[in-house]
PDB file of N, CA and C in Angstrom:
ATOM      1  N   MET A   1      64.961 196.369 155.919  1.00  0.00           N
ATOM      2  CA  MET A   1      66.084 195.588 155.140  1.00  0.00           C
ATOM      3  C   MET A   1      65.281 194.248 154.707  1.00  0.00           C
ATOM      4  N   SER A   2      65.559 193.971 153.632  1.00  0.00           N
ATOM      5  CA  SER A   2      64.979 192.828 152.985  1.00  0.00           C
ATOM      6  C   SER A   2      65.995 191.586 152.832  1.00  0.00           C
ATOM      7  N   GLU A   3      67.123 191.967 152.819  1.00  0.00           N
ATOM      8  CA  GLU A   3      68.217 190.917 152.459  1.00  0.00           C
ATOM      9  C   GLU A   3      69.683 191.343 153.066  1.00  0.00           C
ATOM     10  N   ILE A   4      70.209 190.445 153.782  1.00  0.00           N
ATOM     11  CA  ILE A   4      71.644 190.693 154.331  1.00  0.00           C
ATOM     12  C   ILE A   4      72.561 189.762 153.681  1.00  0.00           C
ATOM     13  N   ILE A   5      73.886 190.182 153.532  1.00  0.00           N
ATOM     14  CA  ILE A   5      74.744 189.111 152.785  1.00  0.00           C
ATOM     15  C   ILE A   5      75.997 189.266 153.835  1.00  0.00           C
ATOM     16  N   PHE A   6      76.350 187.717 153.567  1.00  0.00           N
ATOM     17  CA  PHE A   6      77.664 187.394 154.361  1.00  0.00           C
ATOM     18  C   PHE A   6      78.852 187.036 153.482  1.00  0.00           C
ATOM     19  N   LEU A   7      79.842 187.297 153.943  1.00  0.00           N
ATOM     20  CA  LEU A   7      81.204 186.790 153.640  1.00  0.00           C
ATOM     21  C   LEU A   7      81.702 185.800 153.950  1.00  0.00           C
ATOM     22  N   VAL A   8      81.678 184.333 153.478  1.00  0.00           N
ATOM     23  CA  VAL A   8      82.316 183.336 154.162  1.00  0.00           C
ATOM     24  C   VAL A   8      83.632 183.050 153.333  1.00  0.00           C
ATOM     25  N   GLU A   9      84.418 182.341 154.475  1.00  0.00           N
ATOM     26  CA  GLU A   9      85.590 182.366 154.127  1.00  0.00           C
ATOM     27  C   GLU A   9      86.074 180.853 154.848  1.00  0.00           C
ATOM     28  N   GLU A  10      86.957 180.310 154.496  1.00  0.00           N
ATOM     29  CA  GLU A  10      87.551 179.030 154.812  1.00  0.00           C
ATOM     30  C   GLU A  10      88.519 179.649 155.956  1.00  0.00           C
ATOM     31  N   ALA A  11      88.328 179.126 157.449  1.00  0.00           N
ATOM     32  CA  ALA A  11      89.188 179.425 158.344  1.00  0.00           C
ATOM     33  C   ALA A  11      90.814 178.853 158.009  1.00  0.00           C
ATOM     34  N   PRO A  12      91.933 179.460 158.823  1.00  0.00           N
ATOM     35  CA  PRO A  12      92.940 178.737 158.483  1.00  0.00           C
ATOM     36  C   PRO A  12      93.239 177.728 159.380  1.00  0.00           C
ATOM     37  N   VAL A  13      92.576 177.549 160.448  1.00  0.00           N
ATOM     38  CA  VAL A  13      92.558 176.202 161.150  1.00  0.00           C
ATOM     39  C   VAL A  13      91.747 175.116 160.783  1.00  0.00           C
ATOM     40  N   GLY A  14      90.747 175.550 159.908  1.00  0.00           N
ATOM     41  CA  GLY A  14      89.737 174.553 159.404  1.00  0.00           C
ATOM     42  C   GLY A  14      88.473 175.143 159.549  1.00  0.00           C
ATOM     43  N   GLY A  15      87.341 174.717 159.154  1.00  0.00           N
ATOM     44  CA  GLY A  15      86.121 175.226 159.337  1.00  0.00           C
ATOM     45  C   GLY A  15      85.772 176.519 158.511  1.00  0.00           C
ATOM     46  N   PHE A  16      84.523 177.280 158.842  1.00  0.00           N
ATOM     47  CA  PHE A  16      84.448 178.221 158.060  1.00  0.00           C
ATOM     48  C   PHE A  16      84.382 179.599 159.056  1.00  0.00           C
ATOM     49  N   THR A  17      84.552 180.822 158.252  1.00  0.00           N
ATOM     50  CA  THR A  17      83.495 182.088 159.185  1.00  0.00           C
ATOM     51  C   THR A  17      82.898 182.706 158.280  1.00  0.00           C
ATOM     52  N   ALA A  18      81.825 183.267 158.859  1.00  0.00           N
ATOM     53  CA  ALA A  18      81.057 184.440 158.041  1.00  0.00           C
ATOM     54  C   ALA A  18      80.990 185.676 158.640  1.00  0.00           C
ATOM     55  N   ARG A  19      81.028 186.652 157.924  1.00  0.00           N
ATOM     56  CA  ARG A  19      81.007 188.423 158.288  1.00  0.00           C
ATOM     57  C   ARG A  19      80.009 188.904 157.611  1.00  0.00           C
ATOM     58  N   ALA A  20      79.261 189.575 158.349  1.00  0.00           N
ATOM     59  CA  ALA A  20      77.819 190.224 157.473  1.00  0.00           C
ATOM     60  C   ALA A  20      78.761 191.691 157.061  1.00  0.00           C
ATOM     61  N   LEU A  21      78.170 192.039 155.749  1.00  0.00           N
ATOM     62  CA  LEU A  21      78.621 193.309 155.126  1.00  0.00           C
ATOM     63  C   LEU A  21      77.903 194.390 156.002  1.00  0.00           C
ATOM     64  N   GLY A  22      78.253 195.471 156.315  1.00  0.00           N
ATOM     65  CA  GLY A  22      77.281 196.486 156.479  1.00  0.00           C
ATOM     66  C   GLY A  22      76.725 196.381 158.249  1.00  0.00           C
ATOM     67  N   GLU A  23      76.721 195.001 158.751  1.00  0.00           N
ATOM     68  CA  GLU A  23      76.284 195.129 159.849  1.00  0.00           C
ATOM     69  C   GLU A  23      77.740 194.258 160.822  1.00  0.00           C
ATOM     70  N   SER A  24      77.387 194.357 162.187  1.00  0.00           N
ATOM     71  CA  SER A  24      78.537 193.760 163.127  1.00  0.00           C
ATOM     72  C   SER A  24      78.163 192.524 163.665  1.00  0.00           C
ATOM     73  N   ILE A  25      78.272 191.308 162.579  1.00  0.00           N
ATOM     74  CA  ILE A  25      77.550 190.079 162.711  1.00  0.00           C
ATOM     75  C   ILE A  25      78.692 189.431 162.176  1.00  0.00           C
ATOM     76  N   PHE A  26      79.186 188.271 163.424  1.00  0.00           N
ATOM     77  CA  PHE A  26      80.350 187.310 162.826  1.00  0.00           C
ATOM     78  C   PHE A  26      80.106 186.205 163.636  1.00  0.00           C
ATOM     79  N   THR A  27      80.364 185.064 162.700  1.00  0.00           N
ATOM     80  CA  THR A  27      80.212 183.529 163.306  1.00  0.00           C
ATOM     81  C   THR A  27      81.241 182.719 162.628  1.00  0.00           C
ATOM     82  N   GLU A  28      81.028 181.389 163.214  1.00  0.00           N
ATOM     83  CA  GLU A  28      82.282 180.453 162.402  1.00  0.00           C
ATOM     84  C   GLU A  28      81.665 179.355 163.102  1.00  0.00           C
ATOM     85  N   ALA A  29      82.039 178.071 162.034  1.00  0.00           N
ATOM     86  CA  ALA A  29      81.782 176.546 162.378  1.00  0.00           C
ATOM     87  C   ALA A  29      82.560 175.731 161.531  1.00  0.00           C
ATOM     88  N   ASP A  30      82.518 174.516 162.354  1.00  0.00           N
ATOM     89  CA  ASP A  30      83.257 173.412 161.702  1.00  0.00           C
ATOM     90  C   ASP A  30      82.768 172.943 160.291  1.00  0.00           C
ATOM     91  N   ASN A  31      81.669 172.981 159.889  1.00  0.00           N
ATOM     92  CA  ASN A  31      81.194 172.695 158.475  1.00  0.00           C
ATOM     93  C   ASN A  31      79.945 173.658 157.860  1.00  0.00           C
ATOM     94  N   LEU A  32      79.869 173.421 156.578  1.00  0.00           N
ATOM     95  CA  LEU A  32      78.581 174.437 156.239  1.00  0.00           C
ATOM     96  C   LEU A  32      77.245 174.177 156.594  1.00  0.00           C
ATOM     97  N   SER A  33      77.159 173.130 156.937  1.00  0.00           N
ATOM     98  CA  SER A  33      75.578 172.988 157.648  1.00  0.00           C
ATOM     99  C   SER A  33      75.739 173.599 158.848  1.00  0.00           C
ATOM    100  N   GLU A  34      76.590 173.291 159.535  1.00  0.00           N
ATOM    101  CA  GLU A  34      76.391 174.191 160.890  1.00  0.00           C
ATOM    102  C   GLU A  34      76.658 175.638 160.762  1.00  0.00           C
ATOM    103  N   LEU A  35      77.333 176.099 159.791  1.00  0.00           N
ATOM    104  CA  LEU A  35      77.581 177.787 159.572  1.00  0.00           C
ATOM    105  C   LEU A  35      76.144 178.004 159.273  1.00  0.00           C
ATOM    106  N   HIS A  36      75.310 177.528 158.177  1.00  0.00           N
ATOM    107  CA  HIS A  36      74.156 177.661 157.974  1.00  0.00           C
ATOM    108  C   HIS A  36      73.212 178.317 159.044  1.00  0.00           C
ATOM    109  N   THR A  37      73.292 177.416 160.119  1.00  0.00           N
ATOM    110  CA  THR A  37      72.470 177.470 161.284  1.00  0.00           C
ATOM    111  C   THR A  37      72.663 178.654 162.135  1.00  0.00           C
ATOM    112  N   LYS A  38      74.084 178.581 162.435  1.00  0.00           N
ATOM    113  CA  LYS A  38      74.769 179.978 163.121  1.00  0.00           C
ATOM    114  C   LYS A  38      74.665 180.999 162.611  1.00  0.00           C
ATOM    115  N   VAL A  39      74.771 181.369 161.294  1.00  0.00           N
ATOM    116  CA  VAL A  39      74.265 182.492 160.444  1.00  0.00           C
ATOM    117  C   VAL A  39      72.816 182.598 160.959  1.00  0.00           C
ATOM    118  N   ARG A  40      71.924 181.965 160.677  1.00  0.00           N
ATOM    119  CA  ARG A  40      70.361 182.069 161.220  1.00  0.00           C
ATOM    120  C   ARG A  40      70.084 182.692 162.284  1.00  0.00           C
ATOM    121  N   ASP A  41      71.059 182.264 163.459  1.00  0.00           N
ATOM    122  CA  ASP A  41      70.543 182.422 164.759  1.00  0.00           C
ATOM    123  C   ASP A  41      71.055 183.677 165.035  1.00  0.00           C
ATOM    124  N   ALA A  42      72.442 184.201 164.415  1.00  0.00           N
ATOM    125  CA  ALA A  42      72.978 185.208 164.825  1.00  0.00           C
ATOM    126  C   ALA A  42      72.322 186.277 164.043  1.00  0.00           C
ATOM    127  N   VAL A  43      71.793 186.235 162.667  1.00  0.00           N
ATOM    128  CA  VAL A  43      70.606 187.320 162.284  1.00  0.00           C
ATOM    129  C   VAL A  43      69.582 187.495 162.961  1.00  0.00           C
ATOM    130  N   LYS A  44      68.957 186.260 163.714  1.00  0.00           N
ATOM    131  CA  LYS A  44      67.738 186.625 164.536  1.00  0.00           C
ATOM    132  C   LYS A  44      67.869 187.389 165.637  1.00  0.00           C
ATOM    133  N   CYS A  45      69.171 187.071 166.350  1.00  0.00           N
ATOM    134  CA  CYS A  45      69.660 187.805 167.556  1.00  0.00           C
ATOM    135  C   CYS A  45      69.908 189.069 167.416  1.00  0.00           C
ATOM    136  N   HIS A  46      70.431 189.494 166.205  1.00  0.00           N
ATOM    137  CA  HIS A  46      71.105 190.862 165.900  1.00  0.00           C
ATOM    138  C   HIS A  46      69.875 192.151 165.706  1.00  0.00           C
ATOM    139  N   PHE A  47      68.864 191.284 165.231  1.00  0.00           N
ATOM    140  CA  PHE A  47      67.537 192.125 164.833  1.00  0.00           C
ATOM    141  C   PHE A  47      66.226 191.734 165.677  1.00  0.00           C
ATOM    142  N   ASP A  48      65.646 193.129 165.848  1.00  0.00           N
ATOM    143  CA  ASP A  48      64.219 193.145 166.523  1.00  0.00           C
ATOM    144  C   ASP A  48      63.539 192.201 165.298  1.00  0.00           C
ATOM    145  N   GLU A  49      62.449 191.406 165.771  1.00  0.00           N
ATOM    146  CA  GLU A  49      61.772 190.379 165.015  1.00  0.00           C
ATOM    147  C   GLU A  49      61.159 191.303 163.774  1.00  0.00           C
ATOM    148  N   GLU A  50      60.884 192.532 164.044  1.00  0.00           N
ATOM    149  CA  GLU A  50      60.014 193.010 162.747  1.00  0.00           C
ATOM    150  C   GLU A  50      60.998 193.580 161.703  1.00  0.00           C
ATOM    151  N   LYS A  51      62.190 193.842 162.194  1.00  0.00           N
ATOM    152  CA  LYS A  51      63.434 194.306 161.139  1.00  0.00           C
ATOM    153  C   LYS A  51      64.306 193.285 160.431  1.00  0.00           C
ATOM    154  N   THR A  52      64.283 192.012 160.897  1.00  0.00           N
ATOM    155  CA  THR A  52      64.924 190.843 160.554  1.00  0.00           C
ATOM    156  C   THR A  52      64.589 190.471 158.994  1.00  0.00           C
ATOM    157  N   PRO A  53      66.055 190.817 158.431  1.00  0.00           N
ATOM    158  CA  PRO A  53      66.026 190.366 157.171  1.00  0.00           C
ATOM    159  C   PRO A  53      65.377 189.365 156.527  1.00  0.00           C
ATOM    160  N   LYS A  54      64.658 188.987 155.481  1.00  0.00           N
ATOM    161  CA  LYS A  54      63.914 187.688 155.246  1.00  0.00           C
ATOM    162  C   LYS A  54      64.863 187.021 154.127  1.00  0.00           C
ATOM    163  N   ILE A  55      66.022 187.286 153.645  1.00  0.00           N
ATOM    164  CA  ILE A  55      66.833 186.706 153.119  1.00  0.00           C
ATOM    165  C   ILE A  55      68.210 186.910 153.412  1.00  0.00           C
ATOM    166  N   ILE A  56      68.778 185.936 153.456  1.00  0.00           N
ATOM    167  CA  ILE A  56      70.318 185.760 154.073  1.00  0.00           C
ATOM    168  C   ILE A  56      70.687 185.326 152.771  1.00  0.00           C
ATOM    169  N   ARG A  57      71.964 186.219 152.168  1.00  0.00           N
ATOM    170  CA  ARG A  57      72.977 185.490 151.156  1.00  0.00           C
ATOM    171  C   ARG A  57      74.243 185.571 151.345  1.00  0.00           C
ATOM    172  N   LEU A  58      74.856 184.123 151.257  1.00  0.00           N
ATOM    173  CA  LEU A  58      76.215 183.890 151.778  1.00  0.00           C
ATOM    174  C   LEU A  58      76.772 183.762 150.351  1.00  0.00           C
ATOM    175  N   HIS A  59      77.994 184.709 150.372  1.00  0.00           N
ATOM    176  CA  HIS A  59      78.951 184.930 149.432  1.00  0.00           C
ATOM    177  C   HIS A  59      80.422 184.089 149.637  1.00  0.00           C
ATOM    178  N   HIS A  60      80.529 182.911 149.338  1.00  0.00           N
ATOM    179  CA  HIS A  60      81.729 182.201 149.478  1.00  0.00           C
ATOM    180  C   HIS A  60      82.866 182.877 148.743  1.00  0.00           C
ATOM    181  N   VAL A  61      83.869 183.070 149.548  1.00  0.00           N
ATOM    182  CA  VAL A  61      85.496 183.521 148.651  1.00  0.00           C
ATOM    183  C   VAL A  61      86.306 182.258 148.812  1.00  0.00           C
ATOM    184  N   ARG A  62      86.898 182.171 148.169  1.00  0.00           N
ATOM    185  CA  ARG A  62      88.152 181.113 148.296  1.00  0.00           C
ATOM    186  C   ARG A  62      89.320 181.839 147.497  1.00  0.00           C
ATOM    187  N   GLU A  63      90.498 181.709 148.540  1.00  0.00           N
ATOM    188  CA  GLU A  63      91.628 182.320 148.109  1.00  0.00           C
ATOM    189  C   GLU A  63      92.488 180.957 147.489  1.00  0.00           C
ATOM    190  N   GLU A  64      93.119 181.173 146.272  1.00  0.00           N
ATOM    191  CA  GLU A  64      93.936 180.059 145.675  1.00  0.00           C
ATOM    192  C   GLU A  64      95.608 180.791 145.529  1.00  0.00           C
ATOM    193  N   VAL A  65      96.418 179.979 145.807  1.00  0.00           N
ATOM    194  CA  VAL A  65      97.587 180.290 145.373  1.00  0.00           C
ATOM    195  C   VAL A  65      98.490 179.308 144.196  1.00  0.00           C
ATOM    196  N   LEU A  66      98.891 179.829 143.272  1.00  0.00           N
ATOM    197  CA  LEU A  66      99.421 178.934 142.002  1.00  0.00           C
ATOM    198  C   LEU A  66     100.840 179.445 141.849  1.00  0.00           C
ATOM    199  N   ALA A  67     101.487 177.981 142.013  1.00  0.00           N
ATOM    200  CA  ALA A  67     102.906 178.757 141.828  1.00  0.00           C
ATOM    201  C   ALA A  67     103.300 179.091 140.184  1.00  0.00           C
ATOM    202  N   VAL A  68     104.310 179.552 140.055  1.00  0.00           N
ATOM    203  CA  VAL A  68     104.640 179.875 138.510  1.00  0.00           C
ATOM    204  C   VAL A  68     105.620 179.214 137.858  1.00  0.00           C
TER     205      VAL A  68
END
């Protein structure tokens, strides 16, 4: 696997969550800088060294509600 994609969302209580697509990896953090570190650590822990993806892609999703 050359890359892994995470879906990043704002948590309802503050901070951010990141969930890998196609893998059982989930982490959360108070800010984006901390989230980057936690995502890297989670990926390193999940995969054997020779199978670790070389690229981590973060797909940020933000929901907005508009009143009509």
